[in-house]
Amino acid sequence: MENLTVRDELLNCFSLPEKPFITDILHLNPIISKAPFVIALFFIIMGFCICLNHRNNIEKKIQINFRTSLIAAILLFCSIVSLGGVSVFIYFNF
């Protein structure tokens, strides 16, 4: 309980390219300089709100039409094509 600070490595995970732009527009630079965990806390709160406010997939009525079929077909095509690529990471140190 003696060291409750957030490590810099964890805070760097929440560092987005848009962060300087957003902090300049919202004038958050003084707050972030004093408490750098504010951005990480913002992401956690927003994720929690998104999880609580969206309806479950079972409750949603899916409307199958030409648009959704086309999107599903494009995503299926892209996923099948991406399976043909060589992945070095899988065979690394095997």
C-alpha atoms as a PDB file:
ATOM      1  CA  MET A   1       0.000   0.000   0.000  1.00  0.00           C
ATOM      2  CA  GLU A   2       3.024   2.271   0.099  1.00  0.00           C
ATOM      3  CA  ASN A   3       3.309   2.837  -3.672  1.00  0.00           C
ATOM      4  CA  LEU A   4      -0.034   3.404  -5.387  1.00  0.00           C
ATOM      5  CA  THR A   5       1.204   5.309  -8.446  1.00  0.00           C
ATOM      6  CA  VAL A   6       0.421   4.194 -11.981  1.00  0.00           C
ATOM      7  CA  ARG A   7       3.432   2.977 -13.944  1.00  0.00           C
ATOM      8  CA  ASP A   8       4.460   4.901 -17.061  1.00  0.00           C
ATOM      9  CA  GLU A   9       4.354   1.732 -19.179  1.00  0.00           C
ATOM     10  CA  LEU A  10       0.672   1.316 -18.448  1.00  0.00           C
ATOM     11  CA  LEU A  11      -0.076   4.963 -19.152  1.00  0.00           C
ATOM     12  CA  ASN A  12       1.728   4.739 -22.504  1.00  0.00           C
ATOM     13  CA  CYS A  13      -0.793   2.104 -23.597  1.00  0.00           C
ATOM     14  CA  PHE A  14      -3.448   4.830 -23.597  1.00  0.00           C
ATOM     15  CA  SER A  15      -1.289   7.340 -25.481  1.00  0.00           C
ATOM     16  CA  LEU A  16      -2.999   7.918 -28.813  1.00  0.00           C
ATOM     17  CA  PRO A  17      -1.789  10.037 -31.716  1.00  0.00           C
ATOM     18  CA  GLU A  18      -4.860  12.213 -31.212  1.00  0.00           C
ATOM     19  CA  LYS A  19      -4.045  12.881 -27.553  1.00  0.00           C
ATOM     20  CA  PRO A  20      -2.189  16.213 -28.075  1.00  0.00           C
ATOM     21  CA  PHE A  21      -4.946  17.475 -30.356  1.00  0.00           C
ATOM     22  CA  ILE A  22      -7.717  16.551 -27.900  1.00  0.00           C
ATOM     23  CA  THR A  23      -5.898  17.923 -24.861  1.00  0.00           C
ATOM     24  CA  ASP A  24      -5.209  21.228 -26.636  1.00  0.00           C
ATOM     25  CA  ILE A  25      -8.822  21.687 -27.713  1.00  0.00           C
ATOM     26  CA  LEU A  26     -10.295  20.737 -24.335  1.00  0.00           C
ATOM     27  CA  HIS A  27      -7.551  22.607 -22.410  1.00  0.00           C
ATOM     28  CA  LEU A  28      -6.643  19.510 -20.402  1.00  0.00           C
ATOM     29  CA  ASN A  29      -2.862  20.039 -20.362  1.00  0.00           C
ATOM     30  CA  PRO A  30      -2.742  21.431 -16.779  1.00  0.00           C
ATOM     31  CA  ILE A  31      -4.834  18.529 -15.504  1.00  0.00           C
ATOM     32  CA  ILE A  32      -2.807  15.850 -17.303  1.00  0.00           C
ATOM     33  CA  SER A  33       0.497  17.330 -16.146  1.00  0.00           C
ATOM     34  CA  LYS A  34      -0.650  16.994 -12.521  1.00  0.00           C
ATOM     35  CA  ALA A  35      -2.480  13.677 -12.896  1.00  0.00           C
ATOM     36  CA  PRO A  36      -1.330  11.669 -15.963  1.00  0.00           C
ATOM     37  CA  PHE A  37      -3.739   8.822 -15.224  1.00  0.00           C
ATOM     38  CA  VAL A  38      -6.735  10.954 -16.296  1.00  0.00           C
ATOM     39  CA  ILE A  39      -6.641   9.646 -19.893  1.00  0.00           C
ATOM     40  CA  ALA A  40      -6.562   6.008 -18.732  1.00  0.00           C
ATOM     41  CA  LEU A  41      -9.374   6.697 -16.291  1.00  0.00           C
ATOM     42  CA  PHE A  42     -11.385   8.317 -19.093  1.00  0.00           C
ATOM     43  CA  PHE A  43     -11.021   5.190 -21.265  1.00  0.00           C
ATOM     44  CA  ILE A  44     -12.072   2.926 -18.408  1.00  0.00           C
ATOM     45  CA  ILE A  45     -15.149   5.027 -17.606  1.00  0.00           C
ATOM     46  CA  MET A  46     -16.162   5.313 -21.274  1.00  0.00           C
ATOM     47  CA  GLY A  47     -15.785   1.552 -21.761  1.00  0.00           C
ATOM     48  CA  PHE A  48     -17.892   0.917 -18.673  1.00  0.00           C
ATOM     49  CA  CYS A  49     -20.620   3.286 -19.928  1.00  0.00           C
ATOM     50  CA  ILE A  50     -20.625   1.675 -23.372  1.00  0.00           C
ATOM     51  CA  CYS A  51     -20.970  -1.791 -21.839  1.00  0.00           C
ATOM     52  CA  LEU A  52     -23.877  -0.745 -19.655  1.00  0.00           C
ATOM     53  CA  ASN A  53     -25.853   1.265 -22.211  1.00  0.00           C
ATOM     54  CA  HIS A  54     -25.882  -1.038 -25.247  1.00  0.00           C
ATOM     55  CA  ARG A  55     -28.504  -3.676 -25.736  1.00  0.00           C
ATOM     56  CA  ASN A  56     -27.572  -7.347 -25.865  1.00  0.00           C
ATOM     57  CA  ASN A  57     -27.323  -9.105 -29.213  1.00  0.00           C
ATOM     58  CA  ILE A  58     -30.273 -11.296 -28.273  1.00  0.00           C
ATOM     59  CA  GLU A  59     -32.469  -8.236 -27.737  1.00  0.00           C
ATOM     60  CA  LYS A  60     -31.556  -6.653 -31.065  1.00  0.00           C
ATOM     61  CA  LYS A  61     -33.651  -7.303 -34.140  1.00  0.00           C
ATOM     62  CA  ILE A  62     -31.261  -7.956 -37.005  1.00  0.00           C
ATOM     63  CA  GLN A  63     -32.609  -6.778 -40.332  1.00  0.00           C
ATOM     64  CA  ILE A  64     -31.114  -8.738 -43.178  1.00  0.00           C
ATOM     65  CA  ASN A  65     -31.160  -6.660 -46.328  1.00  0.00           C
ATOM     66  CA  PHE A  66     -28.874  -6.007 -49.284  1.00  0.00           C
ATOM     67  CA  ARG A  67     -26.648  -3.614 -47.348  1.00  0.00           C
ATOM     68  CA  THR A  68     -25.950  -5.952 -44.425  1.00  0.00           C
ATOM     69  CA  SER A  69     -25.456  -8.895 -46.792  1.00  0.00           C
ATOM     70  CA  LEU A  70     -22.951  -6.896 -48.834  1.00  0.00           C
ATOM     71  CA  ILE A  71     -21.031  -5.840 -45.711  1.00  0.00           C
ATOM     72  CA  ALA A  72     -20.947  -9.450 -44.464  1.00  0.00           C
ATOM     73  CA  ALA A  73     -19.732 -10.671 -47.864  1.00  0.00           C
ATOM     74  CA  ILE A  74     -16.952  -8.058 -47.992  1.00  0.00           C
ATOM     75  CA  LEU A  75     -15.807  -8.899 -44.461  1.00  0.00           C
ATOM     76  CA  LEU A  76     -15.873 -12.624 -45.241  1.00  0.00           C
ATOM     77  CA  PHE A  77     -13.838 -12.071 -48.415  1.00  0.00           C
ATOM     78  CA  CYS A  78     -11.258  -9.946 -46.568  1.00  0.00           C
ATOM     79  CA  SER A  79     -10.909 -12.499 -43.784  1.00  0.00           C
ATOM     80  CA  ILE A  80     -10.436 -15.407 -46.209  1.00  0.00           C
ATOM     81  CA  VAL A  81      -7.857 -13.476 -48.231  1.00  0.00           C
ATOM     82  CA  SER A  82      -5.946 -12.538 -45.076  1.00  0.00           C
ATOM     83  CA  LEU A  83      -5.657 -16.221 -44.105  1.00  0.00           C
ATOM     84  CA  GLY A  84      -3.361 -16.805 -47.097  1.00  0.00           C
ATOM     85  CA  GLY A  85      -0.645 -14.510 -45.758  1.00  0.00           C
ATOM     86  CA  VAL A  86       2.525 -15.882 -44.173  1.00  0.00           C
ATOM     87  CA  SER A  87       2.722 -15.320 -40.451  1.00  0.00           C
ATOM     88  CA  VAL A  88       6.270 -15.337 -39.113  1.00  0.00           C
ATOM     89  CA  PHE A  89       5.170 -14.954 -35.503  1.00  0.00           C
ATOM     90  CA  ILE A  90       3.484 -18.360 -35.350  1.00  0.00           C
ATOM     91  CA  TYR A  91       6.642 -20.228 -36.384  1.00  0.00           C
ATOM     92  CA  PHE A  92       9.091 -18.106 -34.401  1.00  0.00           C
ATOM     93  CA  ASN A  93      11.316 -20.193 -32.072  1.00  0.00           C
ATOM     94  CA  PHE A  94       9.450 -23.358 -32.878  1.00  0.00           C
END
